[in-house]
C-alpha atoms as a PDB file:
ATOM      1  CA  MET A   1    -192.814  91.825  24.114  1.00  0.00           C
ATOM      2  CA  ARG A   2    -191.182  88.537  23.091  1.00  0.00           C
ATOM      3  CA  THR A   3    -189.338  88.610  19.697  1.00  0.00           C
ATOM      4  CA  ARG A   4    -190.255  85.792  17.493  1.00  0.00           C
ATOM      5  CA  THR A   5    -190.529  85.281  13.868  1.00  0.00           C
ATOM      6  CA  LEU A   6    -192.891  84.754  10.994  1.00  0.00           C
ATOM      7  CA  VAL A   7    -191.551  86.430   3.298  1.00  0.00           C
ATOM      8  CA  THR A   8    -190.855  89.300   0.848  1.00  0.00           C
ATOM      9  CA  LEU A   9    -189.508  89.463   0.862  1.00  0.00           C
ATOM     10  CA  VAL A  10    -188.663  92.091  -1.344  1.00  0.00           C
ATOM     11  CA  GLY A  11    -188.710  92.764  -0.961  1.00  0.00           C
ATOM     12  CA  ALA A  12    -187.629  93.901   1.975  1.00  0.00           C
ATOM     13  CA  VAL A  13    -188.567  92.108   2.711  1.00  0.00           C
ATOM     14  CA  ALA A  14    -188.900  88.143   1.283  1.00  0.00           C
ATOM     15  CA  ALA A  15    -192.329  80.023  -2.613  1.00  0.00           C
ATOM     16  CA  LEU A  16    -193.826  76.348  -3.176  1.00  0.00           C
ATOM     17  CA  SER A  17    -196.140  73.401  -3.444  1.00  0.00           C
ATOM     18  CA  ILE A  18    -196.426  71.776  -0.057  1.00  0.00           C
ATOM     19  CA  PRO A  19    -199.101  69.511   1.035  1.00  0.00           C
ATOM     20  CA  ALA A  20    -201.606  71.302   2.976  1.00  0.00           C
ATOM     21  CA  ALA A  21    -201.909  70.692   6.559  1.00  0.00           C
ATOM     22  CA  VAL A  22    -205.043  70.680   8.999  1.00  0.00           C
ATOM     23  CA  PRO A  23    -204.819  73.572  11.469  1.00  0.00           C
ATOM     24  CA  ALA A  24    -203.783  73.082  15.049  1.00  0.00           C
ATOM     25  CA  SER A  25    -206.631  72.014  17.506  1.00  0.00           C
ATOM     26  CA  ALA A  26    -208.339  74.512  19.462  1.00  0.00           C
ATOM     27  CA  ALA A  27    -206.744  73.033  22.633  1.00  0.00           C
ATOM     28  CA  ASP A  28    -203.200  73.990  21.220  1.00  0.00           C
ATOM     29  CA  THR A  29    -201.431  77.218  20.178  1.00  0.00           C
ATOM     30  CA  ALA A  30    -200.536  77.314  16.550  1.00  0.00           C
ATOM     31  CA  VAL A  31    -197.146  78.689  15.275  1.00  0.00           C
ATOM     32  CA  LEU A  32    -199.053  81.494  13.408  1.00  0.00           C
ATOM     33  CA  THR A  33    -201.891  83.193  15.199  1.00  0.00           C
ATOM     34  CA  THR A  34    -203.996  86.539  14.832  1.00  0.00           C
ATOM     35  CA  GLY A  35    -205.160  88.838  17.542  1.00  0.00           C
ATOM     36  CA  SER A  36    -202.402  88.099  19.845  1.00  0.00           C
ATOM     37  CA  ALA A  37    -199.432  85.648  20.663  1.00  0.00           C
ATOM     38  CA  GLY A  38    -201.299  82.498  21.372  1.00  0.00           C
ATOM     39  CA  GLY A  39    -204.506  83.800  19.665  1.00  0.00           C
ATOM     40  CA  THR A  40    -206.716  82.415  16.897  1.00  0.00           C
ATOM     41  CA  ALA A  41    -204.666  79.901  14.655  1.00  0.00           C
ATOM     42  CA  VAL A  42    -204.161  81.241  11.059  1.00  0.00           C
ATOM     43  CA  ALA A  43    -205.946  78.677   8.810  1.00  0.00           C
ATOM     44  CA  VAL A  44    -204.091  77.077   6.120  1.00  0.00           C
ATOM     45  CA  GLY A  45    -204.876  78.621   2.767  1.00  0.00           C
ATOM     46  CA  ASP A  46    -205.083  82.344   4.275  1.00  0.00           C
ATOM     47  CA  VAL A  47    -202.995  84.849   2.497  1.00  0.00           C
ATOM     48  CA  LEU A  48    -200.637  86.973   4.490  1.00  0.00           C
ATOM     49  CA  THR A  49    -199.483  90.306   3.284  1.00  0.00           C
ATOM     50  CA  ALA A  50    -197.006  93.298   4.495  1.00  0.00           C
ATOM     51  CA  PRO A  51    -195.838  96.420   3.018  1.00  0.00           C
ATOM     52  CA  LEU A  52    -192.300  97.899   4.130  1.00  0.00           C
ATOM     53  CA  ALA A  53    -192.415  98.849   7.837  1.00  0.00           C
ATOM     54  CA  SER A  54    -193.258 102.410   8.171  1.00  0.00           C
ATOM     55  CA  GLY A  55    -190.213 104.764   7.855  1.00  0.00           C
ATOM     56  CA  THR A  56    -187.982 102.183   6.391  1.00  0.00           C
ATOM     57  CA  ASN A  57    -186.480 101.383   3.014  1.00  0.00           C
ATOM     58  CA  ALA A  58    -185.530  98.083   0.979  1.00  0.00           C
ATOM     59  CA  THR A  59    -182.195  98.406  -0.086  1.00  0.00           C
ATOM     60  CA  LEU A  60    -179.805  96.480  -2.695  1.00  0.00           C
ATOM     61  CA  TYR A  61    -176.270  97.770  -1.967  1.00  0.00           C
ATOM     62  CA  SER A  62    -172.971  96.639  -3.576  1.00  0.00           C
ATOM     63  CA  SER A  63    -171.549  95.694  -0.168  1.00  0.00           C
ATOM     64  CA  ALA A  64    -172.803  94.881   3.144  1.00  0.00           C
ATOM     65  CA  THR A  65    -171.048  98.018   4.520  1.00  0.00           C
ATOM     66  CA  GLY A  66    -171.591 100.414   1.791  1.00  0.00           C
ATOM     67  CA  THR A  67    -174.394 102.849   0.570  1.00  0.00           C
ATOM     68  CA  SER A  68    -174.035 102.488  -3.375  1.00  0.00           C
ATOM     69  CA  GLY A  69    -176.782 100.878  -5.011  1.00  0.00           C
ATOM     70  CA  VAL A  70    -180.855 100.862  -5.168  1.00  0.00           C
ATOM     71  CA  VAL A  71    -183.228 102.239  -2.499  1.00  0.00           C
ATOM     72  CA  CYS A  72    -186.824 101.681  -2.504  1.00  0.00           C
ATOM     73  CA  SER A  73    -189.333 103.057  -0.164  1.00  0.00           C
ATOM     74  CA  SER A  74    -192.260 101.080  -1.290  1.00  0.00           C
ATOM     75  CA  SER A  75    -192.561  97.119  -1.366  1.00  0.00           C
ATOM     76  CA  THR A  76    -195.147  94.516  -0.679  1.00  0.00           C
ATOM     77  CA  PHE A  77    -195.104  90.768  -0.172  1.00  0.00           C
ATOM     78  CA  THR A  78    -197.838  88.205  -0.466  1.00  0.00           C
ATOM     79  CA  ALA A  79    -197.697  84.683   0.902  1.00  0.00           C
ATOM     80  CA  SER A  80    -200.244  81.902   1.330  1.00  0.00           C
ATOM     81  CA  VAL A  81    -200.030  79.616   4.627  1.00  0.00           C
ATOM     82  CA  THR A  82    -199.524  75.959   3.653  1.00  0.00           C
ATOM     83  CA  ASP A  83    -198.810  74.602   7.057  1.00  0.00           C
ATOM     84  CA  ASN A  84    -199.502  75.818  10.578  1.00  0.00           C
ATOM     85  CA  PRO A  85    -198.774  73.183  13.409  1.00  0.00           C
ATOM     86  CA  ALA A  86    -198.860  73.509  17.069  1.00  0.00           C
ATOM     87  CA  ALA A  87    -196.071  75.483  18.738  1.00  0.00           C
ATOM     88  CA  PRO A  88    -193.300  74.883  19.172  1.00  0.00           C
ATOM     89  CA  GLY A  89    -193.079  73.933  15.455  1.00  0.00           C
ATOM     90  CA  THR A  90    -192.390  75.190  11.953  1.00  0.00           C
ATOM     91  CA  ALA A  91    -195.119  76.847   9.865  1.00  0.00           C
ATOM     92  CA  THR A  92    -194.597  77.028   6.061  1.00  0.00           C
ATOM     93  CA  GLU A  93    -195.849  79.475   3.560  1.00  0.00           C
ATOM     94  CA  SER A  94    -195.718  79.762  -0.235  1.00  0.00           C
ATOM     95  CA  VAL A  95    -194.539  83.325  -1.157  1.00  0.00           C
ATOM     96  CA  SER A  96    -196.533  84.119  -4.555  1.00  0.00           C
ATOM     97  CA  GLY A  97    -195.647  87.925  -4.960  1.00  0.00           C
ATOM     98  CA  GLN A  98    -193.096  90.448  -3.967  1.00  0.00           C
ATOM     99  CA  SER A  99    -193.562  93.773  -5.614  1.00  0.00           C
ATOM    100  CA  PHE A 100    -191.290  97.123  -5.766  1.00  0.00           C
ATOM    101  CA  ASP A 101    -192.835 100.234  -6.850  1.00  0.00           C
ATOM    102  CA  SER A 102    -190.355 101.712  -9.278  1.00  0.00           C
ATOM    103  CA  SER A 103    -191.426 105.206  -8.720  1.00  0.00           C
ATOM    104  CA  SER A 104    -190.348 105.045  -5.272  1.00  0.00           C
ATOM    105  CA  CYS A 105    -186.997 103.663  -6.193  1.00  0.00           C
ATOM    106  CA  THR A 106    -183.508 105.613  -6.630  1.00  0.00           C
ATOM    107  CA  SER A 107    -179.975 104.778  -7.406  1.00  0.00           C
ATOM    108  CA  ASN A 108    -176.649 106.554  -6.629  1.00  0.00           C
ATOM    109  CA  VAL A 109    -174.525 104.204  -8.826  1.00  0.00           C
ATOM    110  CA  VAL A 110    -172.281 106.401 -10.945  1.00  0.00           C
ATOM    111  CA  GLY A 111    -173.788 106.590 -14.334  1.00  0.00           C
ATOM    112  CA  VAL A 112    -177.261 105.384 -13.289  1.00  0.00           C
ATOM    113  CA  THR A 113    -180.123 107.949 -14.012  1.00  0.00           C
ATOM    114  CA  GLY A 114    -183.002 106.036 -12.633  1.00  0.00           C
ATOM    115  CA  VAL A 115    -184.665 102.564 -11.883  1.00  0.00           C
ATOM    116  CA  SER A 116    -187.125 101.368 -14.470  1.00  0.00           C
ATOM    117  CA  SER A 117    -188.281  98.113 -12.504  1.00  0.00           C
ATOM    118  CA  ILE A 118    -187.414  95.551  -9.939  1.00  0.00           C
ATOM    119  CA  THR A 119    -188.851  92.141 -10.514  1.00  0.00           C
ATOM    120  CA  VAL A 120    -188.695  89.135  -8.381  1.00  0.00           C
ATOM    121  CA  ASP A 121    -188.530  86.002 -10.503  1.00  0.00           C
ATOM    122  CA  ASN A 122    -189.055  82.163 -10.216  1.00  0.00           C
ATOM    123  CA  LEU A 123    -192.007  82.475  -7.669  1.00  0.00           C
ATOM    124  CA  PRO A 124    -193.328  81.105  -5.748  1.00  0.00           C
ATOM    125  CA  TYR A 125    -190.841  80.453  -3.008  1.00  0.00           C
ATOM    126  CA  THR A 126    -191.286  78.626   0.310  1.00  0.00           C
ATOM    127  CA  THR A 127    -190.911  80.272   3.537  1.00  0.00           C
ATOM    128  CA  THR A 128    -190.597  78.405   6.691  1.00  0.00           C
ATOM    129  CA  VAL A 129    -191.033  79.959  10.101  1.00  0.00           C
ATOM    130  CA  THR A 130    -189.973  78.458  13.465  1.00  0.00           C
ATOM    131  CA  SER A 131    -191.311  79.017  16.965  1.00  0.00           C
ATOM    132  CA  ASP A 132    -187.698  80.396  18.038  1.00  0.00           C
ATOM    133  CA  GLY A 133    -187.872  83.190  15.292  1.00  0.00           C
ATOM    134  CA  ALA A 134    -185.904  81.705  12.377  1.00  0.00           C
ATOM    135  CA  LEU A 135    -187.128  82.527   8.812  1.00  0.00           C
ATOM    136  CA  THR A 136    -185.709  80.814   5.774  1.00  0.00           C
ATOM    137  CA  VAL A 137    -186.844  81.389   1.995  1.00  0.00           C
ATOM    138  CA  THR A 138    -185.897  78.937  -0.483  1.00  0.00           C
ATOM    139  CA  PRO A 139    -186.611  78.350  -4.110  1.00  0.00           C
ATOM    140  CA  ALA A 140    -188.181  75.370  -5.845  1.00  0.00           C
ATOM    141  CA  SER A 141    -185.838  72.404  -6.363  1.00  0.00           C
ATOM    142  CA  GLY A 142    -183.668  73.141  -9.261  1.00  0.00           C
ATOM    143  CA  SER A 143    -184.339  76.912  -9.236  1.00  0.00           C
ATOM    144  CA  THR A 144    -182.961  79.831  -7.618  1.00  0.00           C
ATOM    145  CA  ILE A 145    -183.988  83.029  -5.976  1.00  0.00           C
ATOM    146  CA  GLN A 146    -183.494  85.748  -8.455  1.00  0.00           C
ATOM    147  CA  THR A 147    -184.149  89.293  -8.806  1.00  0.00           C
ATOM    148  CA  THR A 148    -184.100  91.304 -12.073  1.00  0.00           C
ATOM    149  CA  VAL A 149    -183.233  95.086 -11.671  1.00  0.00           C
ATOM    150  CA  LYS A 150    -183.826  97.321 -14.758  1.00  0.00           C
ATOM    151  CA  LEU A 151    -181.806 100.478 -14.688  1.00  0.00           C
ATOM    152  CA  ARG A 152    -181.786 103.698 -16.817  1.00  0.00           C
ATOM    153  CA  THR A 153    -178.112 104.974 -17.675  1.00  0.00           C
ATOM    154  CA  LEU A 154    -176.405 107.867 -19.491  1.00  0.00           C
ATOM    155  CA  LEU A 155    -176.120 105.037 -22.246  1.00  0.00           C
ATOM    156  CA  GLY A 156    -179.443 103.697 -22.316  1.00  0.00           C
ATOM    157  CA  SER A 157    -181.279 100.801 -20.187  1.00  0.00           C
ATOM    158  CA  ILE A 158    -179.407  98.001 -18.607  1.00  0.00           C
ATOM    159  CA  THR A 159    -180.564  94.689 -17.013  1.00  0.00           C
ATOM    160  CA  CYS A 160    -179.028  93.306 -14.040  1.00  0.00           C
ATOM    161  CA  VAL A 161    -179.845  89.822 -12.792  1.00  0.00           C
ATOM    162  CA  TYR A 162    -178.889  88.668  -9.404  1.00  0.00           C
ATOM    163  CA  GLN A 163    -179.252  85.304  -7.673  1.00  0.00           C
ATOM    164  CA  ALA A 164    -179.139  83.782  -4.185  1.00  0.00           C
ATOM    165  CA  PRO A 165    -179.444  80.107  -3.075  1.00  0.00           C
ATOM    166  CA  SER A 166    -181.795  80.945  -0.252  1.00  0.00           C
ATOM    167  CA  LEU A 167    -182.532  83.835   2.301  1.00  0.00           C
ATOM    168  CA  THR A 168    -182.775  84.074   6.093  1.00  0.00           C
ATOM    169  CA  GLY A 169    -184.464  86.589   8.005  1.00  0.00           C
ATOM    170  CA  THR A 170    -186.048  87.278  11.456  1.00  0.00           C
ATOM    171  CA  ALA A 171    -189.549  88.253  12.730  1.00  0.00           C
ATOM    172  CA  SER A 172    -190.734  90.327  15.676  1.00  0.00           C
ATOM    173  CA  ASN A 173    -194.014  90.282  17.746  1.00  0.00           C
ATOM    174  CA  ASP A 174    -193.033  93.650  19.044  1.00  0.00           C
ATOM    175  CA  ASP A 175    -194.308  94.933  15.532  1.00  0.00           C
ATOM    176  CA  SER A 176    -195.332  92.101  13.587  1.00  0.00           C
ATOM    177  CA  SER A 177    -192.379  92.352  11.215  1.00  0.00           C
ATOM    178  CA  ILE A 178    -190.098  90.259   9.457  1.00  0.00           C
ATOM    179  CA  ALA A 179    -186.510  91.581   8.676  1.00  0.00           C
ATOM    180  CA  PHE A 180    -183.831  90.741   6.197  1.00  0.00           C
ATOM    181  CA  THR A 181    -180.338  92.209   6.699  1.00  0.00           C
ATOM    182  CA  ASP A 182    -177.427  92.018   4.031  1.00  0.00           C
ATOM    183  CA  GLN A 183    -178.655  88.874   2.160  1.00  0.00           C
ATOM    184  CA  GLU A 184    -176.244  88.398  -0.560  1.00  0.00           C
ATOM    185  CA  PHE A 185    -176.992  88.151  -4.089  1.00  0.00           C
ATOM    186  CA  THR A 186    -174.631  87.307  -7.009  1.00  0.00           C
ATOM    187  CA  LYS A 187    -174.737  88.890 -10.285  1.00  0.00           C
ATOM    188  CA  VAL A 188    -175.337  86.378 -13.220  1.00  0.00           C
ATOM    189  CA  SER A 189    -175.726  88.835 -16.053  1.00  0.00           C
ATOM    190  CA  GLY A 190    -175.636  92.446 -16.783  1.00  0.00           C
ATOM    191  CA  SER A 191    -173.267  95.227 -17.745  1.00  0.00           C
ATOM    192  CA  SER A 192    -170.406  96.837 -15.906  1.00  0.00           C
ATOM    193  CA  LEU A 193    -172.580  99.099 -14.361  1.00  0.00           C
ATOM    194  CA  CYS A 194    -174.285  96.410 -12.365  1.00  0.00           C
ATOM    195  CA  PHE A 195    -172.282  95.660  -9.226  1.00  0.00           C
ATOM    196  CA  SER A 196    -171.040  92.203  -9.059  1.00  0.00           C
ATOM    197  CA  SER A 197    -172.980  91.419  -5.649  1.00  0.00           C
ATOM    198  CA  GLY A 198    -175.978  92.614  -4.047  1.00  0.00           C
ATOM    199  CA  PHE A 199    -176.712  92.923  -0.553  1.00  0.00           C
ATOM    200  CA  PHE A 200    -180.496  92.881   0.233  1.00  0.00           C
ATOM    201  CA  SER A 201    -181.921  94.370   3.330  1.00  0.00           C
ATOM    202  CA  ALA A 202    -185.849  95.213   4.181  1.00  0.00           C
ATOM    203  CA  LYS A 203    -188.235  95.095   7.267  1.00  0.00           C
ATOM    204  CA  TYR A 204    -191.722  94.355   6.421  1.00  0.00           C
ATOM    205  CA  GLY A 205    -194.604  94.917   8.694  1.00  0.00           C
ATOM    206  CA  PRO A 206    -197.180  94.637  10.168  1.00  0.00           C
ATOM    207  CA  VAL A 207    -197.898  91.159   8.608  1.00  0.00           C
ATOM    208  CA  THR A 208    -201.527  90.737   8.494  1.00  0.00           C
ATOM    209  CA  ASP A 209    -204.020  88.148   7.602  1.00  0.00           C
ATOM    210  CA  ASN A 210    -207.188  89.713   6.251  1.00  0.00           C
ATOM    211  CA  GLY A 211    -206.446  92.820   8.247  1.00  0.00           C
ATOM    212  CA  ALA A 212    -205.621  91.062  11.572  1.00  0.00           C
ATOM    213  CA  THR A 213    -202.186  91.264  12.816  1.00  0.00           C
ATOM    214  CA  VAL A 214    -200.001  87.945  12.802  1.00  0.00           C
ATOM    215  CA  TYR A 215    -198.025  86.756  15.540  1.00  0.00           C
ATOM    216  CA  VAL A 216    -195.455  83.800  16.116  1.00  0.00           C
ATOM    217  CA  ASN A 217    -195.557  81.329  18.714  1.00  0.00           C
END
């Protein structure tokens, strides 16, 4: 099946006030459809959701090639469609939620005994999805993509705050997924136990609209 793309992120996975647009006419194939590629257009205002793809984890590692950091096996994103033009084109979504189940998260950072919470801040974010598969997540003007990680350590709780100007990912119609790989965040506050950079990777899917699988055209 063709690989295409469709915001959560979390993770995983992968924002905004955009004027609503009228869906593509019945004669056109919209960028986002349900049922199949070329199927029924996703309506503006519809809410898309996706968990982590089965058997995968969301990770925030201290380097792009390392395995030291935080791993979560449960995460979900939620996004509302704000524009879904005829294909080829660019659909727009507003990411209103990206959650991580802290009970599913572990850390192998020396001195860290557990993960209390992972919170995605400064929502909503804007996600654009093009017909050729490119996915971009951006914050509101003057804001930033931000994640706050609270960890339990031998010396008590610490809070690590990471920021990124934007995120890029891809989506696939093979399994209706979106994937982020080694998206770099920079630490803006936190103790020395917080690594200076965080590299986020996650695969969310299937992406659904009220239970119906979403495809990109």
